[in-house]
Amino acid sequence: MRRLANPEEHNISVKGRKVVEVTGVASVESFDVHEFSLVTSAGHLMIQGANLHMKHLDLQAGVVLIEGTLTSLGYVVDGAKKKRIVTRLFR
């Protein structure tokens, strides 16, 4: 049975580079099979990999479960995030 997370509490759990559980998620900004952009209580979080898909989403509880092959994850400062979006638009 899955314990409901406190939406303000932010944690990341990675299991074998195949499953990522993130708590404290306020919203999912964008996602595709290569990248997820999440807004968490600790800031913007980018998760990158291959064949990524959302297995579970509960924004009321602030929980996202992502499966696939994880290659990187990191917090993004606002200026860098805007630059990445502009780069994507002009590819």
N, C-alpha and C. Protein backbone atom coordinates (compact mmCIF):
# COMPACT_ATOMS: atom_id res chain seq x y z
N MET A 1 0.84 -1.18 0.00
CA MET A 1 0.00 0.00 0.00
C MET A 1 0.89 1.25 0.00
N ARG A 2 0.63 2.16 -0.89
CA ARG A 2 1.43 3.37 -1.03
C ARG A 2 1.00 4.40 0.01
N ARG A 3 1.99 4.91 0.76
CA ARG A 3 1.73 5.95 1.76
C ARG A 3 1.59 7.29 1.04
N LEU A 4 0.57 8.05 1.39
CA LEU A 4 0.40 9.36 0.80
C LEU A 4 1.49 10.30 1.30
N ALA A 5 2.14 10.96 0.37
CA ALA A 5 3.24 11.87 0.72
C ALA A 5 2.68 13.25 1.04
N ASN A 6 3.42 13.96 1.86
CA ASN A 6 3.12 15.35 2.13
C ASN A 6 3.56 16.14 0.90
N PRO A 7 2.66 16.89 0.22
CA PRO A 7 3.04 17.60 -1.00
C PRO A 7 4.19 18.59 -0.80
N GLU A 8 4.42 19.04 0.44
CA GLU A 8 5.51 19.98 0.70
C GLU A 8 6.86 19.26 0.88
N GLU A 9 6.81 17.97 1.24
CA GLU A 9 8.03 17.20 1.45
C GLU A 9 8.54 16.70 0.10
N HIS A 10 9.80 16.97 -0.20
CA HIS A 10 10.37 16.62 -1.50
C HIS A 10 11.45 15.55 -1.32
N ASN A 11 11.26 14.44 -2.01
CA ASN A 11 12.23 13.36 -1.99
C ASN A 11 12.32 12.76 -3.39
N ILE A 12 13.49 12.19 -3.68
CA ILE A 12 13.70 11.47 -4.94
C ILE A 12 14.21 10.09 -4.59
N SER A 13 13.59 9.08 -5.17
CA SER A 13 14.02 7.71 -4.96
C SER A 13 14.28 7.09 -6.33
N VAL A 14 15.50 6.59 -6.54
CA VAL A 14 15.87 5.95 -7.80
C VAL A 14 16.14 4.48 -7.52
N LYS A 15 15.50 3.61 -8.29
CA LYS A 15 15.68 2.17 -8.12
C LYS A 15 16.29 1.59 -9.39
N GLY A 16 17.59 1.29 -9.31
CA GLY A 16 18.26 0.61 -10.41
C GLY A 16 18.29 1.36 -11.73
N ARG A 17 18.23 2.68 -11.71
CA ARG A 17 18.18 3.52 -12.91
C ARG A 17 16.98 3.21 -13.80
N LYS A 18 16.00 2.49 -13.28
CA LYS A 18 14.82 2.12 -14.07
C LYS A 18 13.53 2.75 -13.57
N VAL A 19 13.49 3.12 -12.30
CA VAL A 19 12.28 3.70 -11.71
C VAL A 19 12.69 4.90 -10.87
N VAL A 20 11.99 6.02 -11.06
CA VAL A 20 12.23 7.23 -10.28
C VAL A 20 10.91 7.65 -9.65
N GLU A 21 10.91 7.79 -8.34
CA GLU A 21 9.74 8.30 -7.63
C GLU A 21 10.10 9.66 -7.05
N VAL A 22 9.30 10.66 -7.36
CA VAL A 22 9.53 12.02 -6.89
C VAL A 22 8.32 12.44 -6.07
N THR A 23 8.57 12.95 -4.87
CA THR A 23 7.50 13.50 -4.03
C THR A 23 7.70 15.01 -3.91
N GLY A 24 6.68 15.70 -3.49
CA GLY A 24 6.74 17.15 -3.39
C GLY A 24 6.55 17.82 -4.74
N VAL A 25 5.87 17.15 -5.67
CA VAL A 25 5.67 17.66 -7.02
C VAL A 25 4.42 18.54 -7.06
N ALA A 26 4.60 19.77 -7.53
CA ALA A 26 3.47 20.69 -7.67
C ALA A 26 2.82 20.57 -9.05
N SER A 27 3.66 20.38 -10.09
CA SER A 27 3.12 20.24 -11.44
C SER A 27 4.14 19.58 -12.36
N VAL A 28 3.63 19.05 -13.46
CA VAL A 28 4.46 18.49 -14.52
C VAL A 28 4.39 19.49 -15.66
N GLU A 29 5.52 20.17 -15.95
CA GLU A 29 5.52 21.20 -17.00
C GLU A 29 5.51 20.59 -18.39
N SER A 30 6.33 19.58 -18.61
CA SER A 30 6.38 18.92 -19.92
C SER A 30 7.01 17.56 -19.75
N PHE A 31 6.75 16.69 -20.72
CA PHE A 31 7.39 15.38 -20.70
C PHE A 31 7.32 14.74 -22.07
N ASP A 32 8.31 13.93 -22.35
CA ASP A 32 8.31 13.06 -23.53
C ASP A 32 9.17 11.85 -23.17
N VAL A 33 9.50 11.01 -24.14
CA VAL A 33 10.23 9.78 -23.85
C VAL A 33 11.68 10.02 -23.45
N HIS A 34 12.17 11.27 -23.61
CA HIS A 34 13.55 11.60 -23.29
C HIS A 34 13.71 12.52 -22.09
N GLU A 35 12.66 13.26 -21.71
CA GLU A 35 12.83 14.27 -20.66
C GLU A 35 11.52 14.60 -19.97
N PHE A 36 11.60 14.75 -18.65
CA PHE A 36 10.49 15.22 -17.84
C PHE A 36 10.91 16.52 -17.17
N SER A 37 10.04 17.50 -17.15
CA SER A 37 10.28 18.76 -16.45
C SER A 37 9.20 18.89 -15.38
N LEU A 38 9.65 18.88 -14.11
CA LEU A 38 8.73 18.92 -12.98
C LEU A 38 8.98 20.16 -12.14
N VAL A 39 7.92 20.70 -11.57
CA VAL A 39 8.05 21.76 -10.58
C VAL A 39 7.82 21.10 -9.23
N THR A 40 8.84 21.18 -8.35
CA THR A 40 8.75 20.56 -7.03
C THR A 40 8.84 21.65 -5.97
N SER A 41 8.62 21.25 -4.74
CA SER A 41 8.73 22.21 -3.64
C SER A 41 10.17 22.66 -3.44
N ALA A 42 11.14 21.97 -4.07
CA ALA A 42 12.56 22.37 -3.98
C ALA A 42 13.05 23.08 -5.24
N GLY A 43 12.17 23.28 -6.23
CA GLY A 43 12.54 23.95 -7.47
C GLY A 43 12.25 23.10 -8.70
N HIS A 44 12.69 23.60 -9.87
CA HIS A 44 12.47 22.88 -11.13
C HIS A 44 13.42 21.69 -11.22
N LEU A 45 12.88 20.54 -11.56
CA LEU A 45 13.66 19.31 -11.65
C LEU A 45 13.55 18.76 -13.07
N MET A 46 14.69 18.48 -13.70
CA MET A 46 14.72 17.88 -15.02
C MET A 46 15.20 16.44 -14.87
N ILE A 47 14.46 15.51 -15.45
CA ILE A 47 14.83 14.10 -15.46
C ILE A 47 14.99 13.70 -16.91
N GLN A 48 16.16 13.16 -17.25
CA GLN A 48 16.44 12.78 -18.63
C GLN A 48 16.76 11.30 -18.71
N GLY A 49 16.46 10.71 -19.86
CA GLY A 49 16.72 9.30 -20.04
C GLY A 49 16.21 8.82 -21.38
N ALA A 50 15.94 7.52 -21.45
CA ALA A 50 15.43 6.89 -22.67
C ALA A 50 14.19 6.09 -22.32
N ASN A 51 13.24 6.11 -23.22
CA ASN A 51 11.98 5.37 -23.05
C ASN A 51 11.29 5.70 -21.73
N LEU A 52 11.29 6.97 -21.35
CA LEU A 52 10.66 7.39 -20.11
C LEU A 52 9.14 7.46 -20.29
N HIS A 53 8.43 6.99 -19.31
CA HIS A 53 6.97 7.14 -19.30
C HIS A 53 6.49 7.27 -17.86
N MET A 54 5.38 7.95 -17.72
CA MET A 54 4.80 8.20 -16.41
C MET A 54 3.95 7.00 -16.01
N LYS A 55 4.36 6.35 -14.95
CA LYS A 55 3.65 5.18 -14.46
C LYS A 55 2.52 5.57 -13.51
N HIS A 56 2.77 6.64 -12.72
CA HIS A 56 1.78 7.08 -11.74
C HIS A 56 1.90 8.58 -11.54
N LEU A 57 0.77 9.26 -11.46
CA LEU A 57 0.74 10.69 -11.19
C LEU A 57 -0.40 10.99 -10.23
N ASP A 58 -0.06 11.61 -9.11
CA ASP A 58 -1.06 12.04 -8.14
C ASP A 58 -0.62 13.42 -7.63
N LEU A 59 -1.10 14.47 -8.27
CA LEU A 59 -0.68 15.82 -7.90
C LEU A 59 -1.26 16.25 -6.56
N GLN A 60 -2.38 15.66 -6.16
CA GLN A 60 -2.92 15.98 -4.84
C GLN A 60 -1.95 15.54 -3.75
N ALA A 61 -1.37 14.37 -3.92
CA ALA A 61 -0.38 13.87 -2.97
C ALA A 61 1.02 14.36 -3.31
N GLY A 62 1.20 14.91 -4.53
CA GLY A 62 2.50 15.41 -4.95
C GLY A 62 3.48 14.33 -5.35
N VAL A 63 2.97 13.23 -5.94
CA VAL A 63 3.81 12.07 -6.27
C VAL A 63 3.79 11.80 -7.77
N VAL A 64 5.00 11.57 -8.33
CA VAL A 64 5.14 11.15 -9.72
C VAL A 64 6.07 9.94 -9.74
N LEU A 65 5.68 8.91 -10.48
CA LEU A 65 6.50 7.71 -10.65
C LEU A 65 6.81 7.58 -12.13
N ILE A 66 8.09 7.57 -12.46
CA ILE A 66 8.54 7.52 -13.85
C ILE A 66 9.35 6.25 -14.07
N GLU A 67 9.07 5.53 -15.16
CA GLU A 67 9.83 4.34 -15.51
C GLU A 67 10.57 4.58 -16.82
N GLY A 68 11.67 3.90 -17.00
CA GLY A 68 12.49 4.01 -18.21
C GLY A 68 13.94 3.85 -17.80
N THR A 69 14.84 4.31 -18.65
CA THR A 69 16.27 4.26 -18.33
C THR A 69 16.75 5.66 -18.01
N LEU A 70 17.07 5.91 -16.77
CA LEU A 70 17.51 7.22 -16.28
C LEU A 70 18.95 7.49 -16.69
N THR A 71 19.20 8.66 -17.30
CA THR A 71 20.58 9.05 -17.61
C THR A 71 21.04 10.23 -16.77
N SER A 72 20.11 11.12 -16.38
CA SER A 72 20.50 12.24 -15.53
C SER A 72 19.27 12.87 -14.89
N LEU A 73 19.53 13.56 -13.79
CA LEU A 73 18.50 14.39 -13.19
C LEU A 73 19.20 15.53 -12.49
N GLY A 74 18.53 16.67 -12.47
CA GLY A 74 19.14 17.83 -11.84
C GLY A 74 18.14 18.96 -11.69
N TYR A 75 18.48 19.85 -10.78
CA TYR A 75 17.66 21.03 -10.56
C TYR A 75 18.14 22.13 -11.50
N VAL A 76 17.19 22.87 -12.04
CA VAL A 76 17.49 23.88 -13.04
C VAL A 76 17.15 25.25 -12.49
N VAL A 77 18.10 26.20 -12.61
CA VAL A 77 17.80 27.58 -12.23
C VAL A 77 16.93 28.19 -13.32
N ASP A 78 16.13 29.19 -12.98
CA ASP A 78 15.16 29.74 -13.93
C ASP A 78 15.78 30.25 -15.22
N GLY A 79 16.91 30.92 -15.17
CA GLY A 79 17.56 31.45 -16.37
C GLY A 79 17.97 30.34 -17.32
N ALA A 80 18.51 29.26 -16.79
CA ALA A 80 18.94 28.13 -17.62
C ALA A 80 17.74 27.43 -18.23
N LYS A 81 16.65 27.35 -17.51
CA LYS A 81 15.44 26.71 -18.00
C LYS A 81 14.89 27.48 -19.19
N LYS A 82 14.84 28.80 -19.10
CA LYS A 82 14.33 29.61 -20.21
C LYS A 82 15.21 29.46 -21.43
N LYS A 83 16.52 29.39 -21.24
CA LYS A 83 17.44 29.24 -22.35
C LYS A 83 17.21 27.89 -23.05
N ARG A 84 16.96 26.82 -22.28
CA ARG A 84 16.71 25.50 -22.85
C ARG A 84 15.44 25.51 -23.69
N ILE A 85 14.39 26.18 -23.22
CA ILE A 85 13.13 26.22 -23.96
C ILE A 85 13.33 26.96 -25.29
N VAL A 86 14.03 28.06 -25.27
CA VAL A 86 14.30 28.81 -26.51
C VAL A 86 15.11 27.97 -27.47
N THR A 87 16.10 27.23 -26.97
CA THR A 87 16.91 26.36 -27.83
C THR A 87 16.04 25.31 -28.49
N ARG A 88 15.09 24.72 -27.75
CA ARG A 88 14.19 23.71 -28.32
C ARG A 88 13.32 24.32 -29.42
N LEU A 89 12.85 25.53 -29.24
CA LEU A 89 11.96 26.15 -30.21
C LEU A 89 12.66 26.36 -31.56
N PHE A 90 13.96 26.62 -31.52
CA PHE A 90 14.68 26.96 -32.75
C PHE A 90 15.57 25.83 -33.26
N ARG A 91 15.27 24.59 -32.92
CA ARG A 91 16.03 23.46 -33.45
C ARG A 91 15.72 23.23 -34.88
